[in-house]
Amino acid sequence: MPEENIRIRHHIVRPEEQEKFIEPPYWPTWVLRNNQGKLVKTPNGNVLSSPTRKLAEILRVELISVKQNQNDSLKILELHQNHIDSSGGFFNTPNHLPLLLMDELLSDRSLRIFLHSRKKQELGPDTFAHLDAIFKNNQLLFFTLDDIPIDESEDDLEREPGVFAQQHLSTLTEKNRKRFSKLYAVILEEYVEALGNPKMNLFAILGCHSHNVIHRLLWVMKKITTYELAYIESRLAGENKIPTSNFLEFSHLLEYPDLLHSRDEASERLLKQLPEKFKTMPEEAQLAMHAGLRAMADDHQADFSLAINNFAKSLEIILKTQIFDAWRKKSGSSFLQSHQISTLQNPASKAKKLSNFVQKEPHLIELGAMEFILNLKGGKTEKKEPLLRDFFAFVEHETEFGNITTREFLRELRDIRVMRNRKSHSEVSKSGEEPVVQFLHVVRALELLLDD
């Protein structure tokens, strides 16, 4: 199939679509269409969508090379198909990785040679410079793994992670077992856990059955180059020349975690979903939105609460400055001075939040209080309180924001406030889906607020 017959198209996921997307409704993505205009899909029938244009371009080229049988090395296409068919597997923590790492450390040929001084001299000290640095920087003591066989199984179905270690760790002396355990803890805590989820998943694939797991980890972390990794592995294989195939097999795969998102591209695309008038809103609101988008687009997030809170903060700033502060400056203060409203003296009055906002400097009001006041529209309190009636009359007749008292807007505001409060006060948000949901709620609220 000619390359031009696979076309890249920008696409917004719609809730009524029958196709299976990994992205939620209203989310922007890139898709591939064949010469009949049909969406290209994974083997499981999910749409082969891409979060970045660059990834879509690579997928297109690899699809063509597969059809032309150009080579059979592992491709980014395969990684991305697995990612989509596992419902975003590369964004999830690979829980089997600690056990897999223990198995692979016990079968790491370069580690075994490094621990054996005579063999290390035969291959040359430069081959083990990185291992030497790890041991020296962490004050690790040498041990031996000579009594443990190399795990030669190449099929993941032949073993479960951790079984090999469970079978053979007990054969080590207590001294060797303690020293190995300290190395394992350093590699896991200081190196593996420093990776974001996409790179953890890539490492789990490329480190498995490698017999060179520490160097492959350093390579995934980009602490060593592909050239150096190929050199080390060629030396382990007893070759003095670096096979060109090593570069073809390895180098392109390192791109994949970065292709899964581009903070700049993601931020720009998502900002385009906001109403045009958002650009005229206060700088503080725009900065909060940008901060939320950057946090949401970062794959190395232990807690996405920052994104959730910043999206809510952006809307909160707009509501306060454009509506509540505007009313207070125009008529709120003078209204209180010229009217004796007995119910405002009553601490139980539902209008108290509004009068406190006007009377008490520095005139602070948070999202929940604004939601509470807006929900008083059309109720008994509005009928009783001239202050409330004046506020709602200002919103309706002197601003362009009359939609803020509609049922739909108040429903969006409630959902935004509930999620924000939950993340601010107690919960950690490890799921990348929650900031997406919060962002979509804020987008809809801004559409109702700002669109004509």
Protein backbone atom coordinates (compact mmCIF):
# COMPACT_ATOMS: atom_id res chain seq x y z
CA MET A 1 0.00 0.00 0.00
CA PRO A 2 1.53 3.36 -0.94
CA GLU A 3 2.43 5.55 2.03
CA GLU A 4 0.12 8.38 0.97
CA ASN A 5 -2.85 5.99 1.30
CA ILE A 6 -2.41 5.91 5.08
CA ARG A 7 -3.34 9.37 6.23
CA ILE A 8 -2.94 11.03 9.61
CA ARG A 9 -5.98 12.93 10.85
CA HIS A 10 -6.71 14.93 13.99
CA HIS A 11 -9.78 13.58 15.78
CA ILE A 12 -11.96 14.54 18.75
CA VAL A 13 -13.51 11.49 20.43
CA ARG A 14 -17.30 11.78 20.52
CA PRO A 15 -19.53 10.04 23.10
CA GLU A 16 -21.88 8.73 20.39
CA GLU A 17 -19.10 6.99 18.42
CA GLN A 18 -19.32 3.22 18.02
CA GLU A 19 -15.56 2.80 17.58
CA LYS A 20 -13.49 1.71 20.58
CA PHE A 21 -11.08 4.47 21.66
CA ILE A 22 -8.71 4.37 24.60
CA GLU A 23 -9.33 8.11 25.12
CA PRO A 24 -12.43 9.46 26.92
CA PRO A 25 -15.15 11.44 25.09
CA TYR A 26 -14.19 14.94 23.87
CA TRP A 27 -10.48 14.10 24.06
CA PRO A 28 -8.24 15.16 21.12
CA THR A 29 -6.08 12.51 19.47
CA TRP A 30 -4.47 11.51 16.16
CA VAL A 31 -5.80 8.62 14.07
CA LEU A 32 -4.73 6.81 10.90
CA ARG A 33 -7.10 6.17 8.00
CA ASN A 34 -6.50 3.82 5.07
CA ASN A 35 -7.27 4.53 1.41
CA GLN A 36 -10.95 3.63 1.99
CA GLY A 37 -11.11 6.19 4.79
CA LYS A 38 -11.47 3.48 7.46
CA LEU A 39 -9.77 3.84 10.82
CA VAL A 40 -6.68 1.70 11.34
CA LYS A 41 -7.18 -0.56 14.37
CA THR A 42 -5.22 -2.85 16.65
CA PRO A 43 -5.54 -6.66 16.43
CA ASN A 44 -8.19 -6.43 19.18
CA GLY A 45 -10.32 -3.97 17.22
CA ASN A 46 -9.42 -0.80 19.16
CA VAL A 47 -8.66 2.37 17.22
CA LEU A 48 -4.89 2.83 16.78
CA SER A 49 -4.95 6.38 18.15
CA SER A 50 -1.90 8.45 19.08
CA PRO A 51 -1.54 11.18 21.71
CA THR A 52 1.12 12.93 19.59
CA ARG A 53 1.46 13.63 15.90
CA LYS A 54 5.06 12.38 15.93
CA LEU A 55 3.96 8.96 17.19
CA ALA A 56 1.29 8.79 14.48
CA GLU A 57 3.96 9.47 11.84
CA ILE A 58 6.15 6.64 13.12
CA LEU A 59 3.21 4.23 13.27
CA ARG A 60 2.34 5.03 9.68
CA VAL A 61 5.86 4.24 8.47
CA GLU A 62 6.02 1.01 10.50
CA LEU A 63 2.64 -0.13 9.21
CA ILE A 64 3.98 0.20 5.69
CA SER A 65 7.21 -1.65 6.54
CA VAL A 66 5.18 -4.51 8.07
CA LYS A 67 3.17 -4.83 4.86
CA GLN A 68 6.39 -4.86 2.86
CA ASN A 69 8.06 -7.38 5.25
CA GLN A 70 11.14 -5.18 5.57
CA ASN A 71 12.35 -6.58 8.93
CA ASP A 72 11.03 -8.49 11.91
CA SER A 73 12.62 -6.56 14.79
CA LEU A 74 10.47 -5.31 17.63
CA LYS A 75 8.64 -2.18 16.54
CA ILE A 76 7.08 0.81 18.25
CA LEU A 77 3.90 -0.31 16.48
CA GLU A 78 3.83 -3.49 18.58
CA LEU A 79 4.45 -1.58 21.80
CA HIS A 80 1.66 0.87 21.04
CA GLN A 81 -0.82 -1.83 20.00
CA ASN A 82 -0.19 -3.61 23.30
CA HIS A 83 -0.54 -0.31 25.16
CA ILE A 84 -3.95 0.35 23.60
CA ASP A 85 -5.24 -3.22 23.86
CA SER A 86 -4.31 -3.28 27.57
CA SER A 87 -6.33 -0.08 28.20
CA GLY A 88 -3.30 2.14 28.52
CA GLY A 89 -0.93 -0.45 29.95
CA PHE A 90 2.17 1.73 29.59
CA PHE A 91 0.58 4.32 31.89
CA ASN A 92 0.07 1.76 34.66
CA THR A 93 2.69 0.63 37.15
CA PRO A 94 4.05 -2.84 36.18
CA ASN A 95 3.49 -4.53 39.53
CA HIS A 96 5.52 -7.59 38.52
CA LEU A 97 8.67 -5.50 37.93
CA PRO A 98 10.28 -5.85 41.42
CA LEU A 99 10.12 -9.66 41.16
CA LEU A 100 11.28 -9.61 37.55
CA LEU A 101 14.22 -7.41 38.53
CA MET A 102 15.30 -9.87 41.23
CA ASP A 103 15.23 -12.76 38.74
CA GLU A 104 17.20 -10.80 36.17
CA LEU A 105 19.85 -9.59 38.65
CA LEU A 106 20.58 -13.20 39.57
CA SER A 107 21.13 -13.98 35.86
CA ASP A 108 23.01 -10.78 34.94
CA ARG A 109 26.16 -11.97 33.14
CA SER A 110 27.88 -8.58 33.27
CA LEU A 111 27.29 -8.40 37.04
CA ARG A 112 28.73 -11.90 37.51
CA ILE A 113 31.86 -11.05 35.50
CA PHE A 114 32.23 -7.73 37.34
CA LEU A 115 32.19 -9.61 40.66
CA HIS A 116 34.87 -11.99 39.36
CA SER A 117 38.12 -10.02 39.26
CA ARG A 118 40.02 -12.29 36.84
CA LYS A 119 37.22 -12.39 34.24
CA LYS A 120 36.71 -8.65 34.62
CA GLN A 121 40.34 -7.99 33.70
CA GLU A 122 40.00 -10.17 30.61
CA LEU A 123 37.16 -8.01 29.20
CA GLY A 124 38.73 -4.75 30.30
CA PRO A 125 37.74 -2.42 33.18
CA ASP A 126 36.01 0.07 30.84
CA THR A 127 33.30 -2.50 30.16
CA PHE A 128 32.26 -2.31 33.83
CA ALA A 129 32.78 1.37 34.63
CA HIS A 130 29.09 1.93 35.39
CA LEU A 131 28.80 -1.10 37.66
CA ASP A 132 31.97 0.03 39.45
CA ALA A 133 30.42 3.47 40.03
CA ILE A 134 27.20 1.96 41.43
CA PHE A 135 29.12 -0.18 43.91
CA LYS A 136 31.44 2.65 45.00
CA ASN A 137 28.77 5.34 45.28
CA ASN A 138 26.57 3.11 47.41
CA GLN A 139 29.36 1.43 49.38
CA LEU A 140 28.26 -2.00 48.21
CA LEU A 141 30.37 -5.04 49.05
CA PHE A 142 31.24 -7.77 46.58
CA PHE A 143 29.59 -11.18 46.68
CA THR A 144 29.39 -14.20 44.39
CA LEU A 145 26.57 -15.70 42.35
CA ASP A 146 28.62 -18.60 40.99
CA ASP A 147 26.47 -21.25 42.69
CA ILE A 148 23.29 -20.03 40.96
CA PRO A 149 22.64 -21.12 37.36
CA ILE A 150 21.83 -18.61 34.62
CA ASP A 151 18.12 -18.58 33.87
CA GLU A 152 18.04 -19.55 30.19
CA SER A 153 14.26 -19.52 29.73
CA GLU A 154 13.28 -17.12 26.96
CA ASP A 155 9.52 -17.50 27.01
CA ASP A 156 7.57 -15.53 29.63
CA LEU A 157 5.15 -18.46 29.82
CA GLU A 158 7.94 -20.67 31.15
CA ARG A 159 8.11 -18.85 34.45
CA GLU A 160 6.36 -16.38 36.70
CA PRO A 161 8.32 -13.36 37.96
CA GLY A 162 10.02 -14.13 41.26
CA VAL A 163 9.91 -17.92 40.97
CA PHE A 164 13.54 -18.20 39.84
CA ALA A 165 14.71 -16.01 42.74
CA GLN A 166 12.58 -17.94 45.20
CA GLN A 167 14.16 -21.21 44.05
CA HIS A 168 17.77 -20.08 44.17
CA LEU A 169 18.26 -17.25 46.69
CA SER A 170 18.27 -19.77 49.52
CA THR A 171 21.39 -21.41 48.03
CA LEU A 172 23.45 -18.29 48.76
CA THR A 173 25.31 -17.96 52.03
CA GLU A 174 23.80 -15.52 54.48
CA LYS A 175 26.60 -13.02 53.79
CA ASN A 176 26.16 -13.19 50.02
CA ARG A 177 22.38 -12.99 50.34
CA LYS A 178 22.57 -9.82 52.43
CA ARG A 179 25.00 -8.17 50.03
CA PHE A 180 22.87 -9.12 47.03
CA SER A 181 19.76 -7.80 48.78
CA LYS A 182 21.44 -4.43 49.35
CA LEU A 183 22.35 -4.18 45.65
CA TYR A 184 18.77 -5.13 44.73
CA ALA A 185 17.37 -2.41 47.02
CA VAL A 186 19.67 0.24 45.52
CA ILE A 187 18.78 -0.70 41.92
CA LEU A 188 15.05 -0.80 42.70
CA GLU A 189 14.74 2.30 44.85
CA GLU A 190 17.29 4.65 43.29
CA TYR A 191 17.00 3.64 39.65
CA VAL A 192 13.83 1.73 38.75
CA GLU A 193 11.49 3.80 40.93
CA ALA A 194 12.93 6.99 39.42
CA LEU A 195 11.38 6.02 36.08
CA GLY A 196 7.91 7.12 35.03
CA ASN A 197 5.40 4.36 34.30
CA PRO A 198 5.98 4.30 30.51
CA LYS A 199 9.73 3.80 30.97
CA MET A 200 9.15 1.22 33.69
CA ASN A 201 7.07 -0.79 31.24
CA LEU A 202 9.67 -0.42 28.51
CA PHE A 203 12.37 -1.58 30.92
CA ALA A 204 10.25 -4.59 31.93
CA ILE A 205 10.16 -5.62 28.25
CA LEU A 206 13.77 -4.85 27.30
CA GLY A 207 15.33 -6.04 30.54
CA CYS A 208 13.59 -9.41 30.53
CA HIS A 209 15.82 -12.34 29.44
CA SER A 210 18.61 -9.85 28.68
CA HIS A 211 21.27 -11.29 31.05
CA ASN A 212 22.48 -7.68 31.25
CA VAL A 213 19.68 -6.05 33.20
CA ILE A 214 21.64 -3.31 35.01
CA HIS A 215 23.15 -1.91 31.82
CA ARG A 216 19.79 -2.10 30.06
CA LEU A 217 18.25 -0.16 32.93
CA LEU A 218 20.92 2.52 32.65
CA TRP A 219 20.27 2.64 28.91
CA VAL A 220 16.51 3.10 29.36
CA MET A 221 17.35 5.90 31.81
CA LYS A 222 19.66 7.37 29.10
CA LYS A 223 22.62 7.19 31.47
CA ILE A 224 24.49 5.22 28.81
CA THR A 225 24.19 5.47 25.04
CA THR A 226 22.96 2.83 22.63
CA TYR A 227 26.52 2.62 21.28
CA GLU A 228 27.90 1.82 24.72
CA LEU A 229 25.20 -0.75 25.44
CA ALA A 230 25.87 -2.45 22.10
CA TYR A 231 29.61 -2.45 22.86
CA ILE A 232 29.09 -4.02 26.30
CA GLU A 233 26.74 -6.68 24.96
CA SER A 234 29.06 -7.51 22.07
CA ARG A 235 31.92 -7.99 24.57
CA LEU A 236 29.73 -10.25 26.70
CA ALA A 237 29.00 -12.29 23.57
CA GLY A 238 32.74 -12.63 22.89
CA GLU A 239 32.75 -10.30 19.89
CA ASN A 240 35.09 -7.37 19.35
CA LYS A 241 32.93 -5.70 16.72
CA ILE A 242 29.55 -4.15 17.41
CA PRO A 243 26.86 -5.79 15.24
CA THR A 244 24.89 -3.20 13.29
CA SER A 245 21.70 -5.13 14.09
CA ASN A 246 22.05 -4.09 17.73
CA PHE A 247 21.35 -0.48 16.77
CA LEU A 248 18.40 -1.44 14.57
CA GLU A 249 16.94 -3.57 17.34
CA PHE A 250 17.40 -1.16 20.23
CA SER A 251 17.76 2.49 19.40
CA HIS A 252 14.29 3.31 18.05
CA LEU A 253 12.46 1.74 21.01
CA LEU A 254 13.81 4.30 23.47
CA GLU A 255 11.67 6.93 21.77
CA TYR A 256 8.39 5.28 22.67
CA PRO A 257 7.83 6.60 26.25
CA ASP A 258 8.50 10.14 25.06
CA LEU A 259 6.21 9.68 22.06
CA LEU A 260 3.34 8.76 24.37
CA HIS A 261 3.13 12.39 25.33
CA SER A 262 4.66 15.72 24.54
CA ARG A 263 4.02 18.22 27.29
CA ASP A 264 4.18 21.12 24.88
CA GLU A 265 2.05 19.45 22.21
CA ALA A 266 -0.46 18.14 24.75
CA SER A 267 -0.80 21.55 26.39
CA GLU A 268 -1.25 23.33 23.07
CA ARG A 269 -3.84 20.85 21.80
CA LEU A 270 -5.81 20.91 25.04
CA LEU A 271 -5.73 24.69 25.26
CA LYS A 272 -7.42 24.77 21.86
CA GLN A 273 -10.43 23.07 23.47
CA LEU A 274 -11.00 26.06 25.73
CA PRO A 275 -13.37 28.84 24.63
CA GLU A 276 -11.71 31.68 22.71
CA LYS A 277 -12.66 34.16 25.45
CA PHE A 278 -10.51 32.22 27.93
CA LYS A 279 -7.53 34.13 26.47
CA THR A 280 -9.05 37.36 27.81
CA MET A 281 -9.41 36.05 31.35
CA PRO A 282 -7.03 37.09 34.18
CA GLU A 283 -3.43 35.97 33.82
CA GLU A 284 -3.63 34.08 37.12
CA ALA A 285 -6.44 31.91 35.73
CA GLN A 286 -4.49 31.17 32.56
CA LEU A 287 -1.34 30.33 34.53
CA ALA A 288 -3.29 27.93 36.74
CA MET A 289 -4.70 26.21 33.64
CA HIS A 290 -1.23 25.90 32.08
CA ALA A 291 0.17 24.48 35.33
CA GLY A 292 -2.62 21.90 35.44
CA LEU A 293 -2.01 20.87 31.85
CA ARG A 294 1.73 20.48 32.42
CA ALA A 295 1.13 18.34 35.48
CA MET A 296 -1.46 16.21 33.66
CA ALA A 297 0.85 15.68 30.66
CA ASP A 298 3.76 14.53 32.82
CA ASP A 299 4.19 10.74 32.81
CA HIS A 300 6.29 10.82 36.00
CA GLN A 301 3.62 11.83 38.50
CA ALA A 302 3.22 10.14 41.86
CA ASP A 303 0.16 12.33 42.49
CA PHE A 304 -2.05 14.04 39.89
CA SER A 305 -3.81 16.15 42.55
CA LEU A 306 -1.81 19.18 41.40
CA ALA A 307 -3.48 19.05 37.99
CA ILE A 308 -6.95 18.53 39.48
CA ASN A 309 -6.55 21.45 41.89
CA ASN A 310 -5.13 23.83 39.27
CA PHE A 311 -8.02 23.24 36.86
CA ALA A 312 -10.47 24.07 39.65
CA LYS A 313 -8.37 27.08 40.67
CA SER A 314 -8.50 28.47 37.14
CA LEU A 315 -12.31 28.40 37.15
CA GLU A 316 -12.43 29.73 40.72
CA ILE A 317 -10.33 32.79 39.76
CA ILE A 318 -12.57 33.53 36.77
CA LEU A 319 -15.78 33.30 38.79
CA LYS A 320 -14.42 35.48 41.58
CA THR A 321 -12.85 38.22 39.45
CA GLN A 322 -15.37 38.42 36.62
CA ILE A 323 -18.57 38.07 38.65
CA PHE A 324 -18.26 38.32 42.42
CA ASP A 325 -15.55 41.00 42.56
CA ALA A 326 -17.17 42.90 39.69
CA TRP A 327 -20.51 43.02 41.57
CA ARG A 328 -18.82 43.93 44.88
CA LYS A 329 -16.94 46.85 43.34
CA LYS A 330 -19.98 48.14 41.43
CA SER A 331 -22.80 47.87 43.91
CA GLY A 332 -22.22 45.38 46.70
CA SER A 333 -20.49 47.65 49.23
CA SER A 334 -22.72 50.65 48.62
CA PHE A 335 -25.80 48.41 48.76
CA LEU A 336 -24.88 47.22 52.25
CA GLN A 337 -24.19 50.76 53.43
CA SER A 338 -27.51 52.11 52.20
CA HIS A 339 -29.80 49.29 53.30
CA GLN A 340 -30.55 48.00 56.74
CA ILE A 341 -31.08 44.29 56.20
CA SER A 342 -31.91 42.64 59.47
CA THR A 343 -31.42 39.06 58.26
CA LEU A 344 -27.78 39.80 57.46
CA GLN A 345 -27.24 40.19 61.17
CA ASN A 346 -28.44 36.61 61.66
CA PRO A 347 -25.52 34.13 61.60
CA ALA A 348 -27.89 31.46 60.30
CA SER A 349 -28.84 33.41 57.19
CA LYS A 350 -27.86 31.72 53.96
CA ALA A 351 -27.01 35.17 52.60
CA LYS A 352 -24.26 35.51 55.21
CA LYS A 353 -21.58 34.11 52.88
CA LEU A 354 -22.28 36.85 50.37
CA SER A 355 -22.42 39.66 52.92
CA ASN A 356 -19.21 38.42 54.57
CA PHE A 357 -17.49 38.47 51.18
CA VAL A 358 -18.49 42.11 50.70
CA GLN A 359 -17.81 43.33 54.24
CA LYS A 360 -14.67 41.47 55.31
CA GLU A 361 -11.33 42.33 53.76
CA PRO A 362 -9.48 41.05 51.81
CA HIS A 363 -12.79 39.92 50.27
CA LEU A 364 -11.94 36.23 49.92
CA ILE A 365 -14.41 33.67 48.63
CA GLU A 366 -13.69 30.12 47.55
CA LEU A 367 -15.28 27.83 45.01
CA GLY A 368 -17.63 26.05 47.42
CA ALA A 369 -19.01 29.32 48.80
CA MET A 370 -19.63 30.66 45.29
CA GLU A 371 -21.42 27.45 44.37
CA PHE A 372 -23.53 27.71 47.53
CA ILE A 373 -24.57 31.29 46.71
CA LEU A 374 -25.38 30.50 43.08
CA ASN A 375 -27.63 27.66 44.21
CA LEU A 376 -29.77 30.17 46.12
CA LYS A 377 -31.12 31.53 42.84
CA GLY A 378 -34.91 31.20 42.70
CA GLY A 379 -35.22 29.99 46.29
CA LYS A 380 -36.81 31.40 49.45
CA THR A 381 -33.61 33.13 50.54
CA GLU A 382 -33.47 35.20 47.37
CA LYS A 383 -37.02 36.37 47.96
CA LYS A 384 -36.18 37.41 51.52
CA GLU A 385 -32.80 39.03 50.89
CA PRO A 386 -32.48 42.24 48.85
CA LEU A 387 -28.71 41.68 48.74
CA LEU A 388 -29.14 38.39 46.90
CA ARG A 389 -31.70 39.86 44.54
CA ASP A 390 -29.31 42.68 43.70
CA PHE A 391 -26.47 40.21 43.05
CA PHE A 392 -28.53 38.00 40.73
CA ALA A 393 -29.94 41.04 38.92
CA PHE A 394 -26.37 42.22 38.31
CA VAL A 395 -25.38 38.80 36.92
CA GLU A 396 -28.40 38.61 34.65
CA HIS A 397 -28.53 42.18 33.30
CA GLU A 398 -25.01 43.62 33.61
CA THR A 399 -22.76 40.69 32.73
CA GLU A 400 -22.50 38.11 29.95
CA PHE A 401 -22.48 35.28 32.47
CA GLY A 402 -26.17 34.57 32.97
CA ASN A 403 -25.59 30.83 32.42
CA ILE A 404 -23.94 30.45 35.84
CA THR A 405 -27.29 29.88 37.51
CA THR A 406 -28.44 27.18 35.08
CA ARG A 407 -28.82 23.62 36.28
CA GLU A 408 -26.13 22.35 33.90
CA PHE A 409 -23.51 24.84 35.02
CA LEU A 410 -24.23 24.22 38.70
CA ARG A 411 -23.95 20.47 38.11
CA GLU A 412 -20.52 20.90 36.51
CA LEU A 413 -19.47 23.24 39.33
CA ARG A 414 -20.53 20.68 41.94
CA ASP A 415 -18.52 17.88 40.28
CA ILE A 416 -15.44 20.11 40.00
CA ARG A 417 -15.68 21.19 43.63
CA VAL A 418 -16.23 17.63 44.93
CA MET A 419 -13.18 16.25 43.12
CA ARG A 420 -11.03 19.25 44.09
CA ASN A 421 -11.97 18.97 47.78
CA ARG A 422 -11.37 15.22 47.83
CA LYS A 423 -7.86 15.61 46.42
CA SER A 424 -6.99 18.69 48.49
CA HIS A 425 -7.88 17.24 51.85
CA SER A 426 -7.19 13.54 51.85
CA GLU A 427 -6.76 11.50 48.71
CA VAL A 428 -3.71 11.04 46.53
CA SER A 429 -4.57 10.82 42.84
CA LYS A 430 -2.37 8.21 41.17
CA SER A 431 -4.78 7.67 38.30
CA GLY A 432 -4.13 9.70 35.15
CA GLU A 433 -7.85 9.46 34.32
CA GLU A 434 -9.00 11.72 37.17
CA PRO A 435 -7.32 14.94 35.93
CA VAL A 436 -8.75 14.19 32.47
CA VAL A 437 -12.26 14.01 33.94
CA GLN A 438 -11.67 17.22 35.94
CA PHE A 439 -10.33 19.02 32.87
CA LEU A 440 -13.38 18.03 30.80
CA HIS A 441 -15.72 19.28 33.55
CA VAL A 442 -13.87 22.62 33.65
CA VAL A 443 -13.93 22.91 29.84
CA ARG A 444 -17.69 22.39 29.83
CA ALA A 445 -18.18 24.88 32.67
CA LEU A 446 -16.10 27.47 30.81
CA GLU A 447 -18.10 26.88 27.64
CA LEU A 448 -21.33 27.58 29.52
CA LEU A 449 -19.75 30.59 31.21
CA LEU A 450 -17.92 32.23 28.28
CA ASP A 451 -19.54 31.14 25.04
CA ASP A 452 -22.20 33.42 23.59
